[in-house]
Amino acid sequence: MDTNKKSFSTEIYPLLVIEKAVVAYAEIADISTSSNGNCCLCTFIKKSIPIQLVIDEFGNYLIELLNNKHDIY
């Protein structure tokens, strides 16, 4: 089982955005989060797609969600 971690600034990506992305990616990877201050650490556990690809696309999805804020709130 492959795992990897990536930290996201909550000053850029609000926790609500990250949580929405985690739900959207549930079929692709298991993602757990922990936050401390202005940082959210995401731990990605591979299901079927290479984990680095999942992490990269997850970051892109966060940006997409920010660009479409009306879909979040």
PDB file of N, CA and C in Angstrom:
ATOM      1  N   MET A   1       0.846  -1.170   0.000  1.00  0.00           N
ATOM      2  CA  MET A   1       0.000   0.000   0.000  1.00  0.00           C
ATOM      3  C   MET A   1       0.897   1.241   0.000  1.00  0.00           C
ATOM      4  N   ASP A   2       0.758   2.079  -1.042  1.00  0.00           N
ATOM      5  CA  ASP A   2       1.555   3.295  -1.156  1.00  0.00           C
ATOM      6  C   ASP A   2       0.877   4.440  -0.422  1.00  0.00           C
ATOM      7  N   THR A   3       1.676   5.217   0.325  1.00  0.00           N
ATOM      8  CA  THR A   3       1.154   6.410   0.984  1.00  0.00           C
ATOM      9  C   THR A   3       2.077   7.577   0.681  1.00  0.00           C
ATOM     10  N   ASN A   4       1.525   8.753   0.746  1.00  0.00           N
ATOM     11  CA  ASN A   4       2.293   9.965   0.547  1.00  0.00           C
ATOM     12  C   ASN A   4       1.558  11.098   1.238  1.00  0.00           C
ATOM     13  N   LYS A   5       2.298  12.146   1.565  1.00  0.00           N
ATOM     14  CA  LYS A   5       1.720  13.279   2.270  1.00  0.00           C
ATOM     15  C   LYS A   5       1.989  14.568   1.516  1.00  0.00           C
ATOM     16  N   LYS A   6       1.037  15.492   1.618  1.00  0.00           N
ATOM     17  CA  LYS A   6       1.204  16.809   1.026  1.00  0.00           C
ATOM     18  C   LYS A   6       0.513  17.806   1.936  1.00  0.00           C
ATOM     19  N   SER A   7       1.194  18.921   2.138  1.00  0.00           N
ATOM     20  CA  SER A   7       0.675  19.979   2.985  1.00  0.00           C
ATOM     21  C   SER A   7       0.092  21.091   2.127  1.00  0.00           C
ATOM     22  N   PHE A   8      -1.059  21.618   2.556  1.00  0.00           N
ATOM     23  CA  PHE A   8      -1.713  22.716   1.848  1.00  0.00           C
ATOM     24  C   PHE A   8      -1.952  23.858   2.823  1.00  0.00           C
ATOM     25  N   SER A   9      -1.632  25.059   2.417  1.00  0.00           N
ATOM     26  CA  SER A   9      -1.850  26.239   3.243  1.00  0.00           C
ATOM     27  C   SER A   9      -3.337  26.544   3.329  1.00  0.00           C
ATOM     28  N   THR A  10      -3.851  26.650   4.550  1.00  0.00           N
ATOM     29  CA  THR A  10      -5.259  26.987   4.705  1.00  0.00           C
ATOM     30  C   THR A  10      -5.501  28.483   4.470  1.00  0.00           C
ATOM     31  N   GLU A  11      -4.446  29.248   4.335  1.00  0.00           N
ATOM     32  CA  GLU A  11      -4.595  30.650   3.954  1.00  0.00           C
ATOM     33  C   GLU A  11      -4.961  30.745   2.467  1.00  0.00           C
ATOM     34  N   ILE A  12      -4.559  29.752   1.701  1.00  0.00           N
ATOM     35  CA  ILE A  12      -4.881  29.697   0.271  1.00  0.00           C
ATOM     36  C   ILE A  12      -6.086  28.793   0.034  1.00  0.00           C
ATOM     37  N   TYR A  13      -6.073  27.625   0.658  1.00  0.00           N
ATOM     38  CA  TYR A  13      -7.132  26.625   0.486  1.00  0.00           C
ATOM     39  C   TYR A  13      -7.897  26.464   1.798  1.00  0.00           C
ATOM     40  N   PRO A  14      -9.059  27.087   1.934  1.00  0.00           N
ATOM     41  CA  PRO A  14      -9.843  26.921   3.168  1.00  0.00           C
ATOM     42  C   PRO A  14     -10.159  25.443   3.427  1.00  0.00           C
ATOM     43  N   LEU A  15     -10.275  25.095   4.698  1.00  0.00           N
ATOM     44  CA  LEU A  15     -10.555  23.705   5.052  1.00  0.00           C
ATOM     45  C   LEU A  15     -11.817  23.179   4.372  1.00  0.00           C
ATOM     46  N   LEU A  16     -12.803  24.016   4.206  1.00  0.00           N
ATOM     47  CA  LEU A  16     -14.033  23.594   3.532  1.00  0.00           C
ATOM     48  C   LEU A  16     -13.754  23.121   2.108  1.00  0.00           C
ATOM     49  N   VAL A  17     -12.859  23.798   1.417  1.00  0.00           N
ATOM     50  CA  VAL A  17     -12.478  23.416   0.053  1.00  0.00           C
ATOM     51  C   VAL A  17     -11.747  22.078   0.069  1.00  0.00           C
ATOM     52  N   ILE A  18     -10.810  21.931   0.991  1.00  0.00           N
ATOM     53  CA  ILE A  18     -10.047  20.676   1.093  1.00  0.00           C
ATOM     54  C   ILE A  18     -10.982  19.517   1.425  1.00  0.00           C
ATOM     55  N   GLU A  19     -11.891  19.723   2.362  1.00  0.00           N
ATOM     56  CA  GLU A  19     -12.819  18.660   2.741  1.00  0.00           C
ATOM     57  C   GLU A  19     -13.727  18.257   1.582  1.00  0.00           C
ATOM     58  N   LYS A  20     -14.163  19.227   0.793  1.00  0.00           N
ATOM     59  CA  LYS A  20     -14.989  18.915  -0.380  1.00  0.00           C
ATOM     60  C   LYS A  20     -14.194  18.073  -1.386  1.00  0.00           C
ATOM     61  N   ALA A  21     -12.929  18.418  -1.584  1.00  0.00           N
ATOM     62  CA  ALA A  21     -12.078  17.661  -2.512  1.00  0.00           C
ATOM     63  C   ALA A  21     -11.830  16.240  -1.999  1.00  0.00           C
ATOM     64  N   VAL A  22     -11.641  16.095  -0.703  1.00  0.00           N
ATOM     65  CA  VAL A  22     -11.430  14.755  -0.118  1.00  0.00           C
ATOM     66  C   VAL A  22     -12.638  13.866  -0.409  1.00  0.00           C
ATOM     67  N   VAL A  23     -13.833  14.406  -0.254  1.00  0.00           N
ATOM     68  CA  VAL A  23     -15.052  13.637  -0.532  1.00  0.00           C
ATOM     69  C   VAL A  23     -15.117  13.273  -2.016  1.00  0.00           C
ATOM     70  N   ALA A  24     -14.787  14.224  -2.879  1.00  0.00           N
ATOM     71  CA  ALA A  24     -14.843  13.978  -4.322  1.00  0.00           C
ATOM     72  C   ALA A  24     -13.844  12.907  -4.763  1.00  0.00           C
ATOM     73  N   TYR A  25     -12.728  12.803  -4.066  1.00  0.00           N
ATOM     74  CA  TYR A  25     -11.671  11.859  -4.440  1.00  0.00           C
ATOM     75  C   TYR A  25     -11.780  10.515  -3.711  1.00  0.00           C
ATOM     76  N   ALA A  26     -12.834  10.291  -2.966  1.00  0.00           N
ATOM     77  CA  ALA A  26     -12.967   9.094  -2.141  1.00  0.00           C
ATOM     78  C   ALA A  26     -12.865   7.789  -2.922  1.00  0.00           C
ATOM     79  N   GLU A  27     -13.304   7.779  -4.172  1.00  0.00           N
ATOM     80  CA  GLU A  27     -13.224   6.544  -4.956  1.00  0.00           C
ATOM     81  C   GLU A  27     -11.836   6.321  -5.549  1.00  0.00           C
ATOM     82  N   ILE A  28     -11.028   7.381  -5.567  1.00  0.00           N
ATOM     83  CA  ILE A  28      -9.706   7.302  -6.188  1.00  0.00           C
ATOM     84  C   ILE A  28      -8.620   6.971  -5.168  1.00  0.00           C
ATOM     85  N   ALA A  29      -8.734   7.557  -3.975  1.00  0.00           N
ATOM     86  CA  ALA A  29      -7.723   7.328  -2.935  1.00  0.00           C
ATOM     87  C   ALA A  29      -8.341   7.584  -1.572  1.00  0.00           C
ATOM     88  N   ASP A  30      -7.790   6.949  -0.563  1.00  0.00           N
ATOM     89  CA  ASP A  30      -8.169   7.270   0.808  1.00  0.00           C
ATOM     90  C   ASP A  30      -7.319   8.457   1.218  1.00  0.00           C
ATOM     91  N   ILE A  31      -7.973   9.526   1.657  1.00  0.00           N
ATOM     92  CA  ILE A  31      -7.257  10.743   2.038  1.00  0.00           C
ATOM     93  C   ILE A  31      -7.695  11.121   3.439  1.00  0.00           C
ATOM     94  N   SER A  32      -6.727  11.231   4.324  1.00  0.00           N
ATOM     95  CA  SER A  32      -7.020  11.714   5.674  1.00  0.00           C
ATOM     96  C   SER A  32      -6.368  13.071   5.836  1.00  0.00           C
ATOM     97  N   THR A  33      -6.956  13.901   6.691  1.00  0.00           N
ATOM     98  CA  THR A  33      -6.433  15.245   6.892  1.00  0.00           C
ATOM     99  C   THR A  33      -6.201  15.516   8.369  1.00  0.00           C
ATOM    100  N   SER A  34      -5.243  16.375   8.625  1.00  0.00           N
ATOM    101  CA  SER A  34      -5.026  16.911   9.967  1.00  0.00           C
ATOM    102  C   SER A  34      -4.566  18.349   9.777  1.00  0.00           C
ATOM    103  N   SER A  35      -5.107  19.227  10.592  1.00  0.00           N
ATOM    104  CA  SER A  35      -4.744  20.628  10.432  1.00  0.00           C
ATOM    105  C   SER A  35      -4.126  21.157  11.719  1.00  0.00           C
ATOM    106  N   ASN A  36      -3.191  22.075  11.522  1.00  0.00           N
ATOM    107  CA  ASN A  36      -2.581  22.754  12.664  1.00  0.00           C
ATOM    108  C   ASN A  36      -2.261  24.183  12.217  1.00  0.00           C
ATOM    109  N   GLY A  37      -2.940  25.111  12.801  1.00  0.00           N
ATOM    110  CA  GLY A  37      -2.707  26.500  12.437  1.00  0.00           C
ATOM    111  C   GLY A  37      -3.138  26.791  11.023  1.00  0.00           C
ATOM    112  N   ASN A  38      -2.192  27.221  10.218  1.00  0.00           N
ATOM    113  CA  ASN A  38      -2.522  27.603   8.840  1.00  0.00           C
ATOM    114  C   ASN A  38      -2.077  26.559   7.824  1.00  0.00           C
ATOM    115  N   CYS A  39      -2.106  25.301   8.241  1.00  0.00           N
ATOM    116  CA  CYS A  39      -1.651  24.215   7.362  1.00  0.00           C
ATOM    117  C   CYS A  39      -2.566  23.002   7.521  1.00  0.00           C
ATOM    118  N   CYS A  40      -2.850  22.351   6.400  1.00  0.00           N
ATOM    119  CA  CYS A  40      -3.614  21.106   6.425  1.00  0.00           C
ATOM    120  C   CYS A  40      -2.751  20.027   5.773  1.00  0.00           C
ATOM    121  N   LEU A  41      -2.429  19.008   6.529  1.00  0.00           N
ATOM    122  CA  LEU A  41      -1.637  17.905   6.016  1.00  0.00           C
ATOM    123  C   LEU A  41      -2.574  16.812   5.525  1.00  0.00           C
ATOM    124  N   CYS A  42      -2.439  16.469   4.253  1.00  0.00           N
ATOM    125  CA  CYS A  42      -3.241  15.407   3.653  1.00  0.00           C
ATOM    126  C   CYS A  42      -2.359  14.177   3.469  1.00  0.00           C
ATOM    127  N   THR A  43      -2.868  13.046   3.924  1.00  0.00           N
ATOM    128  CA  THR A  43      -2.185  11.771   3.727  1.00  0.00           C
ATOM    129  C   THR A  43      -2.986  10.976   2.708  1.00  0.00           C
ATOM    130  N   PHE A  44      -2.330  10.619   1.615  1.00  0.00           N
ATOM    131  CA  PHE A  44      -2.973   9.918   0.499  1.00  0.00           C
ATOM    132  C   PHE A  44      -2.575   8.453   0.536  1.00  0.00           C
ATOM    133  N   ILE A  45      -3.552   7.572   0.456  1.00  0.00           N
ATOM    134  CA  ILE A  45      -3.293   6.133   0.395  1.00  0.00           C
ATOM    135  C   ILE A  45      -3.846   5.626  -0.925  1.00  0.00           C
ATOM    136  N   LYS A  46      -2.974   5.049  -1.698  1.00  0.00           N
ATOM    137  CA  LYS A  46      -3.295   4.589  -3.058  1.00  0.00           C
ATOM    138  C   LYS A  46      -4.358   3.501  -3.056  1.00  0.00           C
ATOM    139  N   LYS A  47      -5.276   3.642  -4.003  1.00  0.00           N
ATOM    140  CA  LYS A  47      -6.233   2.569  -4.278  1.00  0.00           C
ATOM    141  C   LYS A  47      -5.850   1.892  -5.589  1.00  0.00           C
ATOM    142  N   SER A  48      -5.864   2.636  -6.700  1.00  0.00           N
ATOM    143  CA  SER A  48      -5.536   2.008  -7.979  1.00  0.00           C
ATOM    144  C   SER A  48      -4.669   2.895  -8.866  1.00  0.00           C
ATOM    145  N   ILE A  49      -4.811   4.196  -8.756  1.00  0.00           N
ATOM    146  CA  ILE A  49      -4.069   5.139  -9.602  1.00  0.00           C
ATOM    147  C   ILE A  49      -2.762   5.503  -8.900  1.00  0.00           C
ATOM    148  N   PRO A  50      -1.663   5.682  -9.653  1.00  0.00           N
ATOM    149  CA  PRO A  50      -0.396   6.058  -9.023  1.00  0.00           C
ATOM    150  C   PRO A  50      -0.571   7.276  -8.108  1.00  0.00           C
ATOM    151  N   ILE A  51      -0.028   7.171  -6.904  1.00  0.00           N
ATOM    152  CA  ILE A  51      -0.289   8.153  -5.857  1.00  0.00           C
ATOM    153  C   ILE A  51       0.173   9.556  -6.232  1.00  0.00           C
ATOM    154  N   GLN A  52       1.296   9.702  -6.911  1.00  0.00           N
ATOM    155  CA  GLN A  52       1.753  11.046  -7.275  1.00  0.00           C
ATOM    156  C   GLN A  52       0.793  11.718  -8.252  1.00  0.00           C
ATOM    157  N   LEU A  53       0.216  10.947  -9.137  1.00  0.00           N
ATOM    158  CA  LEU A  53      -0.786  11.490 -10.057  1.00  0.00           C
ATOM    159  C   LEU A  53      -2.016  11.967  -9.279  1.00  0.00           C
ATOM    160  N   VAL A  54      -2.441  11.184  -8.306  1.00  0.00           N
ATOM    161  CA  VAL A  54      -3.583  11.566  -7.475  1.00  0.00           C
ATOM    162  C   VAL A  54      -3.294  12.871  -6.743  1.00  0.00           C
ATOM    163  N   ILE A  55      -2.116  12.986  -6.159  1.00  0.00           N
ATOM    164  CA  ILE A  55      -1.745  14.199  -5.414  1.00  0.00           C
ATOM    165  C   ILE A  55      -1.723  15.407  -6.333  1.00  0.00           C
ATOM    166  N   ASP A  56      -1.139  15.254  -7.501  1.00  0.00           N
ATOM    167  CA  ASP A  56      -1.075  16.366  -8.455  1.00  0.00           C
ATOM    168  C   ASP A  56      -2.468  16.802  -8.891  1.00  0.00           C
ATOM    169  N   GLU A  57      -3.315  15.848  -9.218  1.00  0.00           N
ATOM    170  CA  GLU A  57      -4.667  16.167  -9.670  1.00  0.00           C
ATOM    171  C   GLU A  57      -5.523  16.718  -8.532  1.00  0.00           C
ATOM    172  N   PHE A  58      -5.283  16.262  -7.331  1.00  0.00           N
ATOM    173  CA  PHE A  58      -5.990  16.779  -6.158  1.00  0.00           C
ATOM    174  C   PHE A  58      -5.688  18.277  -6.003  1.00  0.00           C
ATOM    175  N   GLY A  59      -4.421  18.645  -6.150  1.00  0.00           N
ATOM    176  CA  GLY A  59      -4.046  20.056  -6.091  1.00  0.00           C
ATOM    177  C   GLY A  59      -4.727  20.868  -7.177  1.00  0.00           C
ATOM    178  N   ASN A  60      -4.799  20.317  -8.382  1.00  0.00           N
ATOM    179  CA  ASN A  60      -5.506  20.991  -9.478  1.00  0.00           C
ATOM    180  C   ASN A  60      -6.991  21.146  -9.159  1.00  0.00           C
ATOM    181  N   TYR A  61      -7.571  20.126  -8.549  1.00  0.00           N
ATOM    182  CA  TYR A  61      -8.986  20.177  -8.211  1.00  0.00           C
ATOM    183  C   TYR A  61      -9.261  21.249  -7.155  1.00  0.00           C
ATOM    184  N   LEU A  62      -8.345  21.403  -6.206  1.00  0.00           N
ATOM    185  CA  LEU A  62      -8.489  22.469  -5.212  1.00  0.00           C
ATOM    186  C   LEU A  62      -8.548  23.834  -5.894  1.00  0.00           C
ATOM    187  N   ILE A  63      -7.675  24.044  -6.863  1.00  0.00           N
ATOM    188  CA  ILE A  63      -7.664  25.311  -7.600  1.00  0.00           C
ATOM    189  C   ILE A  63      -8.981  25.490  -8.343  1.00  0.00           C
ATOM    190  N   GLU A  64      -9.458  24.428  -8.968  1.00  0.00           N
ATOM    191  CA  GLU A  64     -10.735  24.496  -9.690  1.00  0.00           C
ATOM    192  C   GLU A  64     -11.878  24.863  -8.746  1.00  0.00           C
ATOM    193  N   LEU A  65     -11.897  24.258  -7.569  1.00  0.00           N
ATOM    194  CA  LEU A  65     -12.939  24.581  -6.601  1.00  0.00           C
ATOM    195  C   LEU A  65     -12.875  26.048  -6.185  1.00  0.00           C
ATOM    196  N   LEU A  66     -11.669  26.555  -6.001  1.00  0.00           N
ATOM    197  CA  LEU A  66     -11.529  27.969  -5.638  1.00  0.00           C
ATOM    198  C   LEU A  66     -12.027  28.888  -6.742  1.00  0.00           C
ATOM    199  N   ASN A  67     -11.803  28.490  -7.972  1.00  0.00           N
ATOM    200  CA  ASN A  67     -12.253  29.293  -9.107  1.00  0.00           C
ATOM    201  C   ASN A  67     -13.768  29.239  -9.287  1.00  0.00           C
ATOM    202  N   ASN A  68     -14.415  28.262  -8.693  1.00  0.00           N
ATOM    203  CA  ASN A  68     -15.872  28.113  -8.785  1.00  0.00           C
ATOM    204  C   ASN A  68     -16.475  28.146  -7.380  1.00  0.00           C
ATOM    205  N   LYS A  69     -16.169  29.173  -6.631  1.00  0.00           N
ATOM    206  CA  LYS A  69     -16.584  29.246  -5.225  1.00  0.00           C
ATOM    207  C   LYS A  69     -18.086  29.069  -5.021  1.00  0.00           C
ATOM    208  N   HIS A  70     -18.874  29.441  -6.000  1.00  0.00           N
ATOM    209  CA  HIS A  70     -20.322  29.276  -5.838  1.00  0.00           C
ATOM    210  C   HIS A  70     -20.723  27.811  -5.691  1.00  0.00           C
ATOM    211  N   ASP A  71     -19.858  26.876  -6.117  1.00  0.00           N
ATOM    212  CA  ASP A  71     -20.143  25.457  -5.978  1.00  0.00           C
ATOM    213  C   ASP A  71     -19.846  24.946  -4.566  1.00  0.00           C
ATOM    214  N   ILE A  72     -19.113  25.742  -3.796  1.00  0.00           N
ATOM    215  CA  ILE A  72     -18.663  25.305  -2.481  1.00  0.00           C
ATOM    216  C   ILE A  72     -19.616  25.751  -1.382  1.00  0.00           C
ATOM    217  N   TYR A  73     -19.979  26.989  -1.416  1.00  0.00           N
ATOM    218  CA  TYR A  73     -20.726  27.587  -0.304  1.00  0.00           C
ATOM    219  C   TYR A  73     -22.205  27.575  -0.525  1.00  0.00           C
TER     220      TYR A  73
END
